[in-house]
C-alpha atoms as a PDB file:
ATOM      1  CA  UNK A   1      31.210  57.793  54.278  1.00  0.00           C
ATOM      2  CA  UNK A   2      32.650  55.730  57.115  1.00  0.00           C
ATOM      3  CA  UNK A   3      32.581  56.887  60.742  1.00  0.00           C
ATOM      4  CA  UNK A   4      34.386  55.802  63.887  1.00  0.00           C
ATOM      5  CA  UNK A   5      34.329  56.713  67.569  1.00  0.00           C
ATOM      6  CA  UNK A   6      37.814  57.607  68.798  1.00  0.00           C
ATOM      7  CA  UNK A   7      38.501  57.999  72.508  1.00  0.00           C
ATOM      8  CA  UNK A   8      41.507  60.257  73.116  1.00  0.00           C
ATOM      9  CA  UNK A   9      43.126  62.135  75.980  1.00  0.00           C
ATOM     10  CA  UNK A  10      41.476  65.228  74.457  1.00  0.00           C
ATOM     11  CA  UNK A  11      38.027  63.614  74.691  1.00  0.00           C
ATOM     12  CA  UNK A  12      35.702  61.403  72.661  1.00  0.00           C
ATOM     13  CA  UNK A  13      35.511  62.176  68.974  1.00  0.00           C
ATOM     14  CA  UNK A  14      33.641  60.977  65.928  1.00  0.00           C
ATOM     15  CA  UNK A  15      35.787  60.924  62.802  1.00  0.00           C
ATOM     16  CA  UNK A  16      34.310  60.488  59.333  1.00  0.00           C
ATOM     17  CA  UNK A  17      36.154  59.730  56.124  1.00  0.00           C
ATOM     18  CA  UNK A  18      35.602  58.863  52.500  1.00  0.00           C
ATOM     19  CA  UNK A  19      38.015  56.939  50.297  1.00  0.00           C
ATOM     20  CA  UNK A  20      39.464  60.343  49.291  1.00  0.00           C
ATOM     21  CA  UNK A  21      40.274  61.496  52.832  1.00  0.00           C
ATOM     22  CA  UNK A  22      39.063  62.741  56.174  1.00  0.00           C
ATOM     23  CA  UNK A  23      35.751  64.632  56.123  1.00  0.00           C
ATOM     24  CA  UNK A  24      35.001  65.557  59.763  1.00  0.00           C
ATOM     25  CA  UNK A  25      36.195  65.286  63.312  1.00  0.00           C
ATOM     26  CA  UNK A  26      33.633  66.253  65.935  1.00  0.00           C
ATOM     27  CA  UNK A  27      34.078  66.185  69.699  1.00  0.00           C
ATOM     28  CA  UNK A  28      31.169  64.570  71.518  1.00  0.00           C
ATOM     29  CA  UNK A  29      30.263  64.231  75.153  1.00  0.00           C
ATOM     30  CA  UNK A  30      30.509  60.885  76.944  1.00  0.00           C
ATOM     31  CA  UNK A  31      26.740  60.645  77.379  1.00  0.00           C
ATOM     32  CA  UNK A  32      25.797  61.722  73.861  1.00  0.00           C
ATOM     33  CA  UNK A  33      23.757  59.278  71.773  1.00  0.00           C
ATOM     34  CA  UNK A  34      26.120  58.199  69.011  1.00  0.00           C
ATOM     35  CA  UNK A  35      23.548  56.419  66.819  1.00  0.00           C
ATOM     36  CA  UNK A  36      22.674  59.583  64.879  1.00  0.00           C
ATOM     37  CA  UNK A  37      26.315  60.033  63.858  1.00  0.00           C
ATOM     38  CA  UNK A  38      26.282  56.739  61.983  1.00  0.00           C
ATOM     39  CA  UNK A  39      23.117  57.223  59.934  1.00  0.00           C
ATOM     40  CA  UNK A  40      24.557  60.030  57.817  1.00  0.00           C
ATOM     41  CA  UNK A  41      24.431  59.514  54.074  1.00  0.00           C
ATOM     42  CA  UNK A  42      26.482  61.507  51.630  1.00  0.00           C
ATOM     43  CA  UNK A  43      24.985  62.541  48.277  1.00  0.00           C
ATOM     44  CA  UNK A  44      28.212  61.653  46.442  1.00  0.00           C
ATOM     45  CA  UNK A  45      28.530  58.105  47.880  1.00  0.00           C
ATOM     46  CA  UNK A  46      27.826  56.527  44.498  1.00  0.00           C
ATOM     47  CA  UNK A  47      30.257  58.866  42.728  1.00  0.00           C
ATOM     48  CA  UNK A  48      33.403  58.163  44.756  1.00  0.00           C
ATOM     49  CA  UNK A  49      36.569  58.339  42.685  1.00  0.00           C
ATOM     50  CA  UNK A  50      40.008  57.124  43.566  1.00  0.00           C
ATOM     51  CA  UNK A  51      40.844  54.362  46.044  1.00  0.00           C
ATOM     52  CA  UNK A  52      38.277  51.767  47.054  1.00  0.00           C
ATOM     53  CA  UNK A  53      36.085  51.858  50.202  1.00  0.00           C
ATOM     54  CA  UNK A  54      38.843  50.312  52.342  1.00  0.00           C
ATOM     55  CA  UNK A  55      40.713  53.582  51.981  1.00  0.00           C
ATOM     56  CA  UNK A  56      38.162  55.372  54.211  1.00  0.00           C
ATOM     57  CA  UNK A  57      38.870  52.893  57.018  1.00  0.00           C
ATOM     58  CA  UNK A  58      42.612  53.373  56.458  1.00  0.00           C
ATOM     59  CA  UNK A  59      42.211  57.156  56.842  1.00  0.00           C
ATOM     60  CA  UNK A  60      40.291  56.585  60.098  1.00  0.00           C
ATOM     61  CA  UNK A  61      42.982  54.196  61.386  1.00  0.00           C
ATOM     62  CA  UNK A  62      45.631  56.743  60.541  1.00  0.00           C
ATOM     63  CA  UNK A  63      43.879  59.690  62.193  1.00  0.00           C
ATOM     64  CA  UNK A  64      43.169  57.594  65.323  1.00  0.00           C
ATOM     65  CA  UNK A  65      46.870  56.682  65.588  1.00  0.00           C
ATOM     66  CA  UNK A  66      47.917  60.271  64.947  1.00  0.00           C
ATOM     67  CA  UNK A  67      45.465  61.705  67.504  1.00  0.00           C
ATOM     68  CA  UNK A  68      46.844  59.310  70.116  1.00  0.00           C
ATOM     69  CA  UNK A  69      50.449  60.262  69.248  1.00  0.00           C
ATOM     70  CA  UNK A  70      49.596  63.996  69.254  1.00  0.00           C
ATOM     71  CA  UNK A  71      47.941  63.777  72.676  1.00  0.00           C
ATOM     72  CA  UNK A  72      50.965  61.844  73.987  1.00  0.00           C
ATOM     73  CA  UNK A  73      53.265  64.592  72.710  1.00  0.00           C
ATOM     74  CA  UNK A  74      54.959  62.392  70.093  1.00  0.00           C
ATOM     75  CA  UNK A  75      53.378  63.885  66.933  1.00  0.00           C
ATOM     76  CA  UNK A  76      53.764  67.438  65.708  1.00  0.00           C
ATOM     77  CA  UNK A  77      52.142  67.315  62.270  1.00  0.00           C
ATOM     78  CA  UNK A  78      49.124  65.391  60.953  1.00  0.00           C
ATOM     79  CA  UNK A  79      49.382  64.007  57.438  1.00  0.00           C
ATOM     80  CA  UNK A  80      45.942  62.489  56.883  1.00  0.00           C
ATOM     81  CA  UNK A  81      44.473  63.719  53.563  1.00  0.00           C
ATOM     82  CA  UNK A  82      41.301  65.813  53.692  1.00  0.00           C
ATOM     83  CA  UNK A  83      38.375  65.254  51.315  1.00  0.00           C
ATOM     84  CA  UNK A  84      37.503  68.939  50.895  1.00  0.00           C
ATOM     85  CA  UNK A  85      34.181  68.290  49.117  1.00  0.00           C
ATOM     86  CA  UNK A  86      32.928  65.852  51.779  1.00  0.00           C
ATOM     87  CA  UNK A  87      34.126  68.276  54.463  1.00  0.00           C
ATOM     88  CA  UNK A  88      31.914  70.987  52.933  1.00  0.00           C
ATOM     89  CA  UNK A  89      34.827  73.189  51.864  1.00  0.00           C
ATOM     90  CA  UNK A  90      33.831  74.165  48.334  1.00  0.00           C
ATOM     91  CA  UNK A  91      35.600  77.437  47.506  1.00  0.00           C
ATOM     92  CA  UNK A  92      39.282  77.878  46.702  1.00  0.00           C
ATOM     93  CA  UNK A  93      39.947  80.613  49.292  1.00  0.00           C
ATOM     94  CA  UNK A  94      38.663  78.408  52.137  1.00  0.00           C
ATOM     95  CA  UNK A  95      40.793  75.458  51.002  1.00  0.00           C
ATOM     96  CA  UNK A  96      43.839  77.695  50.640  1.00  0.00           C
ATOM     97  CA  UNK A  97      43.281  79.301  54.064  1.00  0.00           C
ATOM     98  CA  UNK A  98      43.030  75.848  55.677  1.00  0.00           C
ATOM     99  CA  UNK A  99      46.194  74.713  53.852  1.00  0.00           C
ATOM    100  CA  UNK A 100      48.028  77.817  55.122  1.00  0.00           C
ATOM    101  CA  UNK A 101      46.874  77.042  58.661  1.00  0.00           C
ATOM    102  CA  UNK A 102      48.312  73.529  58.265  1.00  0.00           C
ATOM    103  CA  UNK A 103      51.718  75.136  57.585  1.00  0.00           C
ATOM    104  CA  UNK A 104      51.855  76.960  60.943  1.00  0.00           C
ATOM    105  CA  UNK A 105      54.646  75.229  62.904  1.00  0.00           C
ATOM    106  CA  UNK A 106      53.840  73.197  66.002  1.00  0.00           C
ATOM    107  CA  UNK A 107      53.599  75.405  69.093  1.00  0.00           C
ATOM    108  CA  UNK A 108      53.701  78.642  67.095  1.00  0.00           C
ATOM    109  CA  UNK A 109      50.939  80.997  66.014  1.00  0.00           C
ATOM    110  CA  UNK A 110      49.912  83.154  63.094  1.00  0.00           C
ATOM    111  CA  UNK A 111      47.230  85.810  62.846  1.00  0.00           C
ATOM    112  CA  UNK A 112      43.958  85.798  60.964  1.00  0.00           C
ATOM    113  CA  UNK A 113      45.314  88.647  58.863  1.00  0.00           C
ATOM    114  CA  UNK A 114      48.545  86.846  57.987  1.00  0.00           C
ATOM    115  CA  UNK A 115      46.633  83.719  56.964  1.00  0.00           C
ATOM    116  CA  UNK A 116      44.404  85.819  54.697  1.00  0.00           C
ATOM    117  CA  UNK A 117      47.510  87.396  53.105  1.00  0.00           C
ATOM    118  CA  UNK A 118      49.169  83.996  52.668  1.00  0.00           C
ATOM    119  CA  UNK A 119      45.961  82.588  51.159  1.00  0.00           C
ATOM    120  CA  UNK A 120      45.915  85.374  48.550  1.00  0.00           C
ATOM    121  CA  UNK A 121      43.195  87.654  49.923  1.00  0.00           C
ATOM    122  CA  UNK A 122      44.723  90.193  52.307  1.00  0.00           C
ATOM    123  CA  UNK A 123      41.401  91.791  53.254  1.00  0.00           C
ATOM    124  CA  UNK A 124      39.724  88.583  54.408  1.00  0.00           C
ATOM    125  CA  UNK A 125      40.982  88.297  58.006  1.00  0.00           C
ATOM    126  CA  UNK A 126      37.406  88.145  59.344  1.00  0.00           C
ATOM    127  CA  UNK A 127      36.590  85.358  56.930  1.00  0.00           C
ATOM    128  CA  UNK A 128      39.622  83.413  58.159  1.00  0.00           C
ATOM    129  CA  UNK A 129      38.289  83.894  61.693  1.00  0.00           C
ATOM    130  CA  UNK A 130      34.939  82.488  60.615  1.00  0.00           C
ATOM    131  CA  UNK A 131      36.635  79.536  58.907  1.00  0.00           C
ATOM    132  CA  UNK A 132      38.420  78.777  62.161  1.00  0.00           C
ATOM    133  CA  UNK A 133      35.053  78.429  63.920  1.00  0.00           C
ATOM    134  CA  UNK A 134      33.760  76.158  61.137  1.00  0.00           C
ATOM    135  CA  UNK A 135      36.844  73.937  60.770  1.00  0.00           C
ATOM    136  CA  UNK A 136      35.684  70.467  59.664  1.00  0.00           C
ATOM    137  CA  UNK A 137      38.783  68.591  60.855  1.00  0.00           C
ATOM    138  CA  UNK A 138      40.335  70.188  63.940  1.00  0.00           C
ATOM    139  CA  UNK A 139      43.780  68.891  64.895  1.00  0.00           C
ATOM    140  CA  UNK A 140      44.513  68.071  61.238  1.00  0.00           C
ATOM    141  CA  UNK A 141      43.850  71.749  60.478  1.00  0.00           C
ATOM    142  CA  UNK A 142      45.312  73.308  63.657  1.00  0.00           C
ATOM    143  CA  UNK A 143      43.103  76.383  63.974  1.00  0.00           C
ATOM    144  CA  UNK A 144      44.173  76.655  67.627  1.00  0.00           C
ATOM    145  CA  UNK A 145      47.398  78.174  66.241  1.00  0.00           C
ATOM    146  CA  UNK A 146      45.535  81.152  64.702  1.00  0.00           C
ATOM    147  CA  UNK A 147      45.174  84.224  66.910  1.00  0.00           C
ATOM    148  CA  UNK A 148      44.123  87.861  66.724  1.00  0.00           C
ATOM    149  CA  UNK A 149      46.590  90.535  65.606  1.00  0.00           C
ATOM    150  CA  UNK A 150      46.839  91.805  69.208  1.00  0.00           C
ATOM    151  CA  UNK A 151      47.949  88.342  70.367  1.00  0.00           C
ATOM    152  CA  UNK A 152      44.622  87.510  71.994  1.00  0.00           C
ATOM    153  CA  UNK A 153      42.716  84.281  71.513  1.00  0.00           C
ATOM    154  CA  UNK A 154      39.377  86.018  71.012  1.00  0.00           C
ATOM    155  CA  UNK A 155      36.277  83.975  71.709  1.00  0.00           C
ATOM    156  CA  UNK A 156      37.878  80.653  70.846  1.00  0.00           C
ATOM    157  CA  UNK A 157      36.816  77.588  72.820  1.00  0.00           C
ATOM    158  CA  UNK A 158      38.924  76.779  75.882  1.00  0.00           C
ATOM    159  CA  UNK A 159      40.198  73.520  74.346  1.00  0.00           C
ATOM    160  CA  UNK A 160      42.050  75.483  71.627  1.00  0.00           C
ATOM    161  CA  UNK A 161      44.058  77.320  74.264  1.00  0.00           C
ATOM    162  CA  UNK A 162      44.795  73.987  75.981  1.00  0.00           C
ATOM    163  CA  UNK A 163      46.061  72.530  72.666  1.00  0.00           C
ATOM    164  CA  UNK A 164      48.432  75.435  72.147  1.00  0.00           C
ATOM    165  CA  UNK A 165      49.666  75.150  75.752  1.00  0.00           C
ATOM    166  CA  UNK A 166      50.162  71.391  75.216  1.00  0.00           C
ATOM    167  CA  UNK A 167      52.326  72.063  72.162  1.00  0.00           C
ATOM    168  CA  UNK A 168      54.385  74.718  73.905  1.00  0.00           C
ATOM    169  CA  UNK A 169      54.976  72.454  76.913  1.00  0.00           C
ATOM    170  CA  UNK A 170      56.250  69.765  74.555  1.00  0.00           C
ATOM    171  CA  UNK A 171      58.593  72.170  72.810  1.00  0.00           C
ATOM    172  CA  UNK A 172      60.033  73.268  76.163  1.00  0.00           C
ATOM    173  CA  UNK A 173      60.201  69.816  77.770  1.00  0.00           C
ATOM    174  CA  UNK A 174      62.975  67.277  77.399  1.00  0.00           C
ATOM    175  CA  UNK A 175      60.293  64.558  77.274  1.00  0.00           C
ATOM    176  CA  UNK A 176      56.845  64.854  75.643  1.00  0.00           C
ATOM    177  CA  UNK A 177      53.935  65.701  77.910  1.00  0.00           C
ATOM    178  CA  UNK A 178      50.602  63.934  77.610  1.00  0.00           C
ATOM    179  CA  UNK A 179      47.664  66.197  76.703  1.00  0.00           C
ATOM    180  CA  UNK A 180      45.780  67.475  79.718  1.00  0.00           C
ATOM    181  CA  UNK A 181      48.626  67.083  82.197  1.00  0.00           C
ATOM    182  CA  UNK A 182      49.929  70.282  83.702  1.00  0.00           C
ATOM    183  CA  UNK A 183      53.571  71.171  84.175  1.00  0.00           C
ATOM    184  CA  UNK A 184      53.436  70.218  87.872  1.00  0.00           C
ATOM    185  CA  UNK A 185      52.283  66.715  87.018  1.00  0.00           C
ATOM    186  CA  UNK A 186      55.231  66.304  84.649  1.00  0.00           C
ATOM    187  CA  UNK A 187      57.826  67.320  87.213  1.00  0.00           C
ATOM    188  CA  UNK A 188      57.969  70.976  86.132  1.00  0.00           C
ATOM    189  CA  UNK A 189      56.929  74.075  87.977  1.00  0.00           C
END
């Protein structure tokens, strides 16, 4: 597994990838010791199938470029592949729920219940909620677009609300807004 520090308008992140795809994106604080993030070994390292080891670096390059474009308001959909096994997503319902979340349009929302229906298990809304808290690759799997049936955000972290607001500002604006800048800073009210 290959890892890289990515500094974005949304904060510092550590992205990890295998030759098959992206495995994790974790936000880290500016003062956090990063050495421990780079000593991770993966039990399947010797069993990698598919493209060679350069592919992991290519996935990291691609996600870094896409994170920058997303934060600048120029990107609406990530297309970096996900290595589900390396990401720790081992059951079919979880993979299908995450794929359904990836289909939610930019700036729009869906409910936990609707995602569970779309993923083939209509009674698993709570499980979808749990998956949203465990998401291995935020941004690529836009869990910030999943809300409660009553329209509330629940106990989601503040940054998820900011991401949704960022997307909605970009949909309403004639020119893309950079992540973290309010409407007043962009000439709006």
